[in-house]
Protein backbone atom coordinates (compact mmCIF):
# COMPACT_ATOMS: atom_id res chain seq x y z
CA MET A 1 0.00 0.00 0.00
CA CYS A 2 2.82 2.39 0.88
CA PHE A 3 4.41 1.90 -2.55
CA TYR A 4 1.22 3.01 -4.31
CA LEU A 5 0.93 6.14 -2.18
CA THR A 6 4.55 7.07 -2.90
CA ALA A 7 4.07 6.53 -6.63
CA PHE A 8 0.84 8.55 -6.58
CA ARG A 9 2.53 11.44 -4.76
CA THR A 10 5.39 11.42 -7.26
CA VAL A 11 2.97 11.60 -10.20
CA CYS A 12 0.98 14.39 -8.54
CA LYS A 13 4.12 16.45 -7.91
CA SER A 14 5.18 15.99 -11.53
CA VAL A 15 1.79 17.15 -12.81
CA GLN A 16 1.82 20.14 -10.47
CA MET A 17 5.27 21.17 -11.70
CA GLN A 18 4.12 20.92 -15.33
CA ARG A 19 1.03 23.00 -14.61
CA SER A 20 3.00 25.71 -12.83
CA THR A 21 5.39 25.97 -15.80
CA VAL A 22 2.51 26.36 -18.25
CA THR A 23 0.83 28.92 -16.00
CA THR A 24 4.04 30.93 -15.74
CA LYS A 25 4.48 31.01 -19.52
CA ARG A 26 0.86 32.00 -20.02
CA THR A 27 1.16 34.73 -17.41
CA GLN A 28 4.30 36.17 -19.01
CA THR A 29 2.63 36.20 -22.43
CA GLN A 30 -0.44 37.87 -20.95
CA GLU A 31 1.70 40.46 -19.21
CA GLN A 32 3.44 41.25 -22.50
CA PHE A 33 0.08 41.63 -24.25
CA ALA A 34 -1.28 43.89 -21.49
CA ARG A 35 1.86 46.00 -21.53
CA SER A 36 1.83 46.45 -25.31
CA VAL A 37 -1.87 47.38 -25.31
CA LYS A 38 -1.37 49.93 -22.55
CA VAL A 39 1.61 51.47 -24.35
CA ALA A 40 -0.38 51.65 -27.60
CA LEU A 41 -3.31 53.30 -25.80
CA ILE A 42 -1.03 55.88 -24.20
CA GLN A 43 0.61 56.64 -27.55
CA ARG A 44 -2.81 57.20 -29.10
CA GLY A 45 -4.14 59.13 -26.11
CA MET A 46 -6.96 56.63 -25.69
CA SER A 47 -8.55 55.11 -22.63
CA ILE A 48 -9.96 51.61 -22.25
CA VAL A 49 -13.45 53.14 -22.36
CA GLU A 50 -12.70 54.78 -25.72
CA LEU A 51 -11.18 51.56 -27.04
CA ALA A 52 -14.27 49.65 -25.96
CA GLN A 53 -16.53 52.16 -27.71
CA GLU A 54 -14.50 51.89 -30.92
CA LEU A 55 -14.76 48.10 -30.82
CA GLY A 56 -18.44 48.11 -29.87
CA LEU A 57 -17.77 46.20 -26.67
CA SER A 58 -18.26 46.89 -22.98
CA ARG A 59 -15.47 48.41 -20.95
CA ASN A 60 -15.51 45.39 -18.67
CA THR A 61 -15.02 42.92 -21.55
CA VAL A 62 -12.10 44.90 -22.95
CA SER A 63 -10.52 45.31 -19.53
CA LEU A 64 -10.79 41.59 -18.78
CA ALA A 65 -9.36 40.71 -22.18
CA ILE A 66 -6.38 42.99 -21.60
CA ASN A 67 -5.65 42.22 -17.97
CA SER A 68 -6.74 38.63 -17.36
CA GLY A 69 -6.26 36.89 -20.69
CA ILE A 70 -9.81 35.69 -21.12
CA TYR A 71 -11.84 36.47 -24.22
CA LYS A 72 -9.27 35.53 -26.86
CA PRO A 73 -11.48 36.81 -29.73
CA THR A 74 -11.59 40.19 -27.99
CA GLN A 75 -7.81 40.15 -27.64
CA ASN A 76 -7.58 39.54 -31.38
CA LYS A 77 -9.89 42.51 -32.06
CA ILE A 78 -7.80 44.71 -29.79
CA SER A 79 -4.57 43.62 -31.47
CA LYS A 80 -6.00 44.25 -34.92
CA PHE A 81 -7.44 47.65 -33.99
CA LEU A 82 -4.20 48.83 -32.33
CA LYS A 83 -2.08 47.19 -35.05
CA LEU A 84 -0.03 45.16 -32.59
CA SER A 85 2.29 42.50 -33.98
């Protein structure tokens, strides 16, 4: 019985390490996206509210797309509108 618990714990630790690596990469990518959007908005003298109005979306949706990484289609619209690479 003890062998199975040890093996199970080893597998769980391995999965947790893999998940944390993926989360870190995703977070760094999201931070880069948020930073580039904010820089582009500042350069254009726009606010998130104005960006949302231009895209025909709510301020909350745009803010969540920029800061939390959800709403990938909205992120694509933002990138296209601001001409981000």
